[in-house]
Structures are given as structure tokens and as C-alpha cells.
Amino acid sequence: MISEAGICIFIFGNKLVNGEVVLASGMMEEFRIAKERGKVIIPIGSTGFAAKEIFDEMKESGDYSYINDYWNDLENDEDVIKVFNTINEIIEGVRFR
């Protein structure tokens, strides 16, 4: 499915194992695949778990300039409408690149 996508949005990324909430390792693998294939990746860090790890890795790398104006909104905002609007702005910004 990743090969068909142009944009990959990562939210949450947790699962229940033996009654304990853990990071979803499959989501981290999907991130690696999306990165290798040059997809536009939008991590919603405010949802925590694997999405937050992806967010942190991307922000630290400095390789994702299309998100430069949006890091704070993707990491800290819990207002769903604002996050949705931020995602939309990023998509519109990369649409014709």
C-alpha cells in the first residue's frame, strides 16, 4: 500500500501485548519503507507512541523542510481541528512539488 501512496500520515502507533501497551514495531517498519521510497511523511507527534518517535527522528534529522513551519502544531496541539488543518496545509504545500 505504501508504494501506491504519495503521502503517509502516522498517528498513534501502539498495541496491546499481554495486557500492556507497547509501541507498534510494524508502524516503525512502515516509516522506514516510506522514508526509503521518498514519500511525504507527516507524523502526528501529539498522538504519542510510534508517531512521536517518528516525529522526533524526523525533526532531529532536519531533512523534512516541508514541515518546518508546522513542527510545533504536530507535536503539541491536541485540538483535532487545528491538527487536521495543519495536515491539510502541509499536503497543499507539497501537492505540486
N, C-alpha and C. Protein backbone atom coordinates (compact mmCIF):
# COMPACT_ATOMS: atom_id res chain seq x y z
N MET A 1 0.81 -1.19 0.00
CA MET A 1 0.00 0.00 0.00
C MET A 1 0.87 1.26 0.00
N ILE A 2 2.00 1.23 0.68
CA ILE A 2 2.87 2.40 0.73
C ILE A 2 3.34 2.79 -0.67
N SER A 3 3.59 1.80 -1.52
CA SER A 3 4.08 2.11 -2.86
C SER A 3 3.05 2.89 -3.67
N GLU A 4 1.78 2.75 -3.35
CA GLU A 4 0.72 3.47 -4.06
C GLU A 4 0.47 4.86 -3.48
N ALA A 5 0.94 5.10 -2.28
CA ALA A 5 0.68 6.36 -1.59
C ALA A 5 1.72 7.41 -1.94
N GLY A 6 1.30 8.66 -1.93
CA GLY A 6 2.23 9.76 -2.09
C GLY A 6 2.56 10.38 -0.75
N ILE A 7 1.57 10.30 0.15
CA ILE A 7 1.70 10.90 1.48
C ILE A 7 1.35 9.84 2.52
N CYS A 8 2.16 9.75 3.56
CA CYS A 8 1.92 8.80 4.64
C CYS A 8 1.78 9.59 5.94
N ILE A 9 0.62 9.44 6.59
CA ILE A 9 0.35 10.11 7.85
C ILE A 9 0.43 9.08 8.96
N PHE A 10 1.23 9.36 9.96
CA PHE A 10 1.43 8.43 11.07
C PHE A 10 0.79 9.00 12.33
N ILE A 11 -0.16 8.23 12.91
CA ILE A 11 -0.81 8.62 14.16
C ILE A 11 -0.75 7.44 15.14
N PHE A 12 -0.65 7.76 16.39
CA PHE A 12 -0.58 6.79 17.48
C PHE A 12 0.54 5.78 17.25
N GLY A 13 0.23 4.53 16.98
CA GLY A 13 1.26 3.50 16.78
C GLY A 13 1.56 2.74 18.05
N ASN A 14 0.49 2.22 18.63
CA ASN A 14 0.66 1.40 19.82
C ASN A 14 -0.20 0.15 19.68
N LYS A 15 0.09 -0.83 20.50
CA LYS A 15 -0.69 -2.07 20.50
C LYS A 15 -0.66 -2.67 21.90
N LEU A 16 -1.55 -3.59 22.12
CA LEU A 16 -1.65 -4.26 23.41
C LEU A 16 -0.98 -5.63 23.32
N VAL A 17 0.02 -5.87 24.16
CA VAL A 17 0.72 -7.15 24.21
C VAL A 17 0.71 -7.63 25.66
N ASN A 18 0.10 -8.77 25.87
CA ASN A 18 0.00 -9.33 27.23
C ASN A 18 -0.55 -8.32 28.24
N GLY A 19 -1.56 -7.58 27.79
CA GLY A 19 -2.20 -6.61 28.67
C GLY A 19 -1.43 -5.32 28.87
N GLU A 20 -0.34 -5.14 28.15
CA GLU A 20 0.49 -3.95 28.28
C GLU A 20 0.54 -3.20 26.95
N VAL A 21 0.43 -1.88 27.03
CA VAL A 21 0.51 -1.04 25.83
C VAL A 21 1.98 -0.86 25.46
N VAL A 22 2.32 -1.20 24.20
CA VAL A 22 3.69 -1.09 23.70
C VAL A 22 3.68 -0.41 22.33
N LEU A 23 4.86 0.06 21.92
CA LEU A 23 4.98 0.65 20.59
C LEU A 23 4.70 -0.40 19.52
N ALA A 24 4.09 0.04 18.44
CA ALA A 24 3.81 -0.85 17.31
C ALA A 24 5.04 -0.88 16.40
N SER A 25 5.80 -1.95 16.49
CA SER A 25 7.03 -2.06 15.69
C SER A 25 6.71 -2.06 14.19
N GLY A 26 5.55 -2.55 13.82
CA GLY A 26 5.15 -2.54 12.41
C GLY A 26 5.04 -1.14 11.85
N MET A 27 4.60 -0.21 12.67
CA MET A 27 4.50 1.17 12.22
C MET A 27 5.88 1.76 11.97
N MET A 28 6.83 1.40 12.81
CA MET A 28 8.20 1.88 12.61
C MET A 28 8.76 1.34 11.30
N GLU A 29 8.43 0.09 10.97
CA GLU A 29 8.87 -0.50 9.71
C GLU A 29 8.21 0.21 8.53
N GLU A 30 6.93 0.54 8.66
CA GLU A 30 6.24 1.28 7.60
C GLU A 30 6.89 2.64 7.39
N PHE A 31 7.31 3.28 8.48
CA PHE A 31 8.01 4.56 8.38
C PHE A 31 9.31 4.38 7.60
N ARG A 32 10.08 3.36 7.93
CA ARG A 32 11.34 3.12 7.21
C ARG A 32 11.09 2.91 5.71
N ILE A 33 10.07 2.16 5.37
CA ILE A 33 9.73 1.92 3.97
C ILE A 33 9.33 3.23 3.29
N ALA A 34 8.47 4.00 3.93
CA ALA A 34 8.03 5.28 3.37
C ALA A 34 9.22 6.22 3.15
N LYS A 35 10.12 6.23 4.11
CA LYS A 35 11.33 7.07 4.02
C LYS A 35 12.21 6.63 2.85
N GLU A 36 12.44 5.33 2.74
CA GLU A 36 13.27 4.79 1.66
C GLU A 36 12.69 5.09 0.28
N ARG A 37 11.38 5.13 0.20
CA ARG A 37 10.70 5.37 -1.08
C ARG A 37 10.43 6.84 -1.36
N GLY A 38 10.91 7.70 -0.49
CA GLY A 38 10.79 9.15 -0.71
C GLY A 38 9.39 9.70 -0.59
N LYS A 39 8.57 9.08 0.24
CA LYS A 39 7.21 9.55 0.42
C LYS A 39 7.18 10.79 1.29
N VAL A 40 6.12 11.59 1.15
CA VAL A 40 5.89 12.70 2.05
C VAL A 40 5.34 12.09 3.33
N ILE A 41 6.02 12.34 4.44
CA ILE A 41 5.66 11.72 5.71
C ILE A 41 5.20 12.82 6.67
N ILE A 42 4.04 12.61 7.26
CA ILE A 42 3.50 13.56 8.23
C ILE A 42 3.24 12.80 9.54
N PRO A 43 4.09 13.01 10.54
CA PRO A 43 3.89 12.33 11.83
C PRO A 43 3.11 13.23 12.79
N ILE A 44 2.07 12.70 13.39
CA ILE A 44 1.29 13.47 14.35
C ILE A 44 1.83 13.14 15.74
N GLY A 45 2.88 13.84 16.12
CA GLY A 45 3.59 13.57 17.36
C GLY A 45 2.73 13.71 18.60
N SER A 46 1.71 14.55 18.55
CA SER A 46 0.86 14.76 19.72
C SER A 46 0.05 13.52 20.08
N THR A 47 -0.03 12.53 19.18
CA THR A 47 -0.77 11.30 19.49
C THR A 47 0.10 10.30 20.25
N GLY A 48 1.39 10.58 20.35
CA GLY A 48 2.29 9.74 21.14
C GLY A 48 2.72 8.47 20.44
N PHE A 49 3.31 7.58 21.24
CA PHE A 49 3.72 6.24 20.83
C PHE A 49 4.67 6.28 19.62
N ALA A 50 4.50 5.39 18.64
CA ALA A 50 5.41 5.32 17.49
C ALA A 50 5.37 6.62 16.69
N ALA A 51 4.20 7.25 16.59
CA ALA A 51 4.11 8.51 15.85
C ALA A 51 5.03 9.57 16.46
N LYS A 52 5.13 9.59 17.77
CA LYS A 52 6.02 10.55 18.45
C LYS A 52 7.48 10.20 18.19
N GLU A 53 7.83 8.94 18.17
CA GLU A 53 9.21 8.54 17.85
C GLU A 53 9.57 8.93 16.42
N ILE A 54 8.64 8.71 15.50
CA ILE A 54 8.86 9.10 14.10
C ILE A 54 9.02 10.61 14.02
N PHE A 55 8.14 11.34 14.68
CA PHE A 55 8.21 12.79 14.73
C PHE A 55 9.59 13.25 15.20
N ASP A 56 10.03 12.70 16.34
CA ASP A 56 11.32 13.10 16.91
C ASP A 56 12.48 12.81 15.95
N GLU A 57 12.47 11.65 15.33
CA GLU A 57 13.53 11.29 14.38
C GLU A 57 13.56 12.25 13.20
N MET A 58 12.38 12.55 12.66
CA MET A 58 12.30 13.43 11.51
C MET A 58 12.75 14.84 11.86
N LYS A 59 12.28 15.35 12.99
CA LYS A 59 12.63 16.71 13.40
C LYS A 59 14.13 16.84 13.63
N GLU A 60 14.71 15.85 14.30
CA GLU A 60 16.14 15.87 14.60
C GLU A 60 16.99 15.82 13.33
N SER A 61 16.51 15.10 12.31
CA SER A 61 17.30 14.93 11.09
C SER A 61 17.41 16.23 10.29
N GLY A 62 16.40 17.09 10.36
CA GLY A 62 16.42 18.32 9.58
C GLY A 62 16.18 18.12 8.10
N ASP A 63 15.77 16.92 7.70
CA ASP A 63 15.62 16.59 6.28
C ASP A 63 14.21 16.79 5.73
N TYR A 64 13.32 17.36 6.50
CA TYR A 64 11.92 17.44 6.08
C TYR A 64 11.45 18.89 6.09
N SER A 65 11.98 19.68 5.17
CA SER A 65 11.72 21.11 5.16
C SER A 65 10.25 21.44 4.94
N TYR A 66 9.49 20.55 4.34
CA TYR A 66 8.08 20.83 4.11
C TYR A 66 7.29 20.89 5.42
N ILE A 67 7.90 20.47 6.53
CA ILE A 67 7.23 20.53 7.83
C ILE A 67 7.80 21.65 8.71
N ASN A 68 8.80 22.35 8.26
CA ASN A 68 9.48 23.32 9.12
C ASN A 68 8.54 24.30 9.83
N ASP A 69 7.49 24.74 9.19
CA ASP A 69 6.57 25.69 9.80
C ASP A 69 5.52 25.04 10.69
N TYR A 70 5.54 23.72 10.78
CA TYR A 70 4.44 23.00 11.43
C TYR A 70 4.85 22.09 12.58
N TRP A 71 6.14 22.01 12.90
CA TRP A 71 6.59 21.08 13.94
C TRP A 71 5.81 21.27 15.23
N ASN A 72 5.67 22.51 15.68
CA ASN A 72 5.00 22.76 16.96
C ASN A 72 3.54 22.29 16.94
N ASP A 73 2.83 22.57 15.86
CA ASP A 73 1.43 22.16 15.76
C ASP A 73 1.29 20.63 15.76
N LEU A 74 2.22 19.95 15.11
CA LEU A 74 2.14 18.49 15.04
C LEU A 74 2.54 17.82 16.35
N GLU A 75 3.31 18.51 17.16
CA GLU A 75 3.79 17.91 18.40
C GLU A 75 2.92 18.24 19.60
N ASN A 76 2.42 19.45 19.67
CA ASN A 76 1.81 19.92 20.91
C ASN A 76 0.30 20.11 20.86
N ASP A 77 -0.25 20.26 19.71
CA ASP A 77 -1.66 20.63 19.65
C ASP A 77 -2.58 19.42 19.78
N GLU A 78 -3.50 19.52 20.71
CA GLU A 78 -4.48 18.45 20.89
C GLU A 78 -5.84 18.84 20.31
N ASP A 79 -5.91 20.03 19.71
CA ASP A 79 -7.13 20.48 19.04
C ASP A 79 -7.21 19.76 17.69
N VAL A 80 -8.11 18.81 17.59
CA VAL A 80 -8.20 17.95 16.41
C VAL A 80 -8.40 18.77 15.13
N ILE A 81 -9.22 19.79 15.20
CA ILE A 81 -9.48 20.62 14.01
C ILE A 81 -8.20 21.33 13.58
N LYS A 82 -7.44 21.85 14.53
CA LYS A 82 -6.19 22.53 14.20
C LYS A 82 -5.19 21.56 13.59
N VAL A 83 -5.10 20.35 14.16
CA VAL A 83 -4.19 19.35 13.61
C VAL A 83 -4.62 18.98 12.20
N PHE A 84 -5.91 18.76 11.99
CA PHE A 84 -6.42 18.46 10.65
C PHE A 84 -6.08 19.58 9.67
N ASN A 85 -6.28 20.82 10.08
CA ASN A 85 -5.96 21.96 9.21
C ASN A 85 -4.47 22.03 8.92
N THR A 86 -3.64 21.69 9.90
CA THR A 86 -2.19 21.66 9.70
C THR A 86 -1.82 20.60 8.68
N ILE A 87 -2.40 19.41 8.81
CA ILE A 87 -2.16 18.34 7.84
C ILE A 87 -2.55 18.80 6.45
N ASN A 88 -3.70 19.43 6.35
CA ASN A 88 -4.18 19.93 5.05
C ASN A 88 -3.22 20.96 4.46
N GLU A 89 -2.72 21.87 5.29
CA GLU A 89 -1.76 22.88 4.81
C GLU A 89 -0.48 22.22 4.30
N ILE A 90 0.01 21.23 5.02
CA ILE A 90 1.22 20.53 4.58
C ILE A 90 0.97 19.85 3.24
N ILE A 91 -0.15 19.18 3.12
CA ILE A 91 -0.48 18.48 1.86
C ILE A 91 -0.59 19.47 0.72
N GLU A 92 -1.27 20.58 0.95
CA GLU A 92 -1.39 21.59 -0.10
C GLU A 92 -0.02 22.15 -0.48
N GLY A 93 0.88 22.27 0.50
CA GLY A 93 2.21 22.80 0.24
C GLY A 93 3.09 21.87 -0.57
N VAL A 94 2.88 20.57 -0.45
CA VAL A 94 3.71 19.61 -1.19
C VAL A 94 3.03 19.08 -2.45
N ARG A 95 1.81 19.44 -2.64
CA ARG A 95 0.99 18.89 -3.72
C ARG A 95 1.63 18.99 -5.10
N PHE A 96 2.26 20.08 -5.37
CA PHE A 96 2.79 20.31 -6.72
C PHE A 96 4.32 20.38 -6.72
N ARG A 97 4.94 19.78 -5.74
CA ARG A 97 6.41 19.84 -5.70
C ARG A 97 7.01 18.85 -6.64
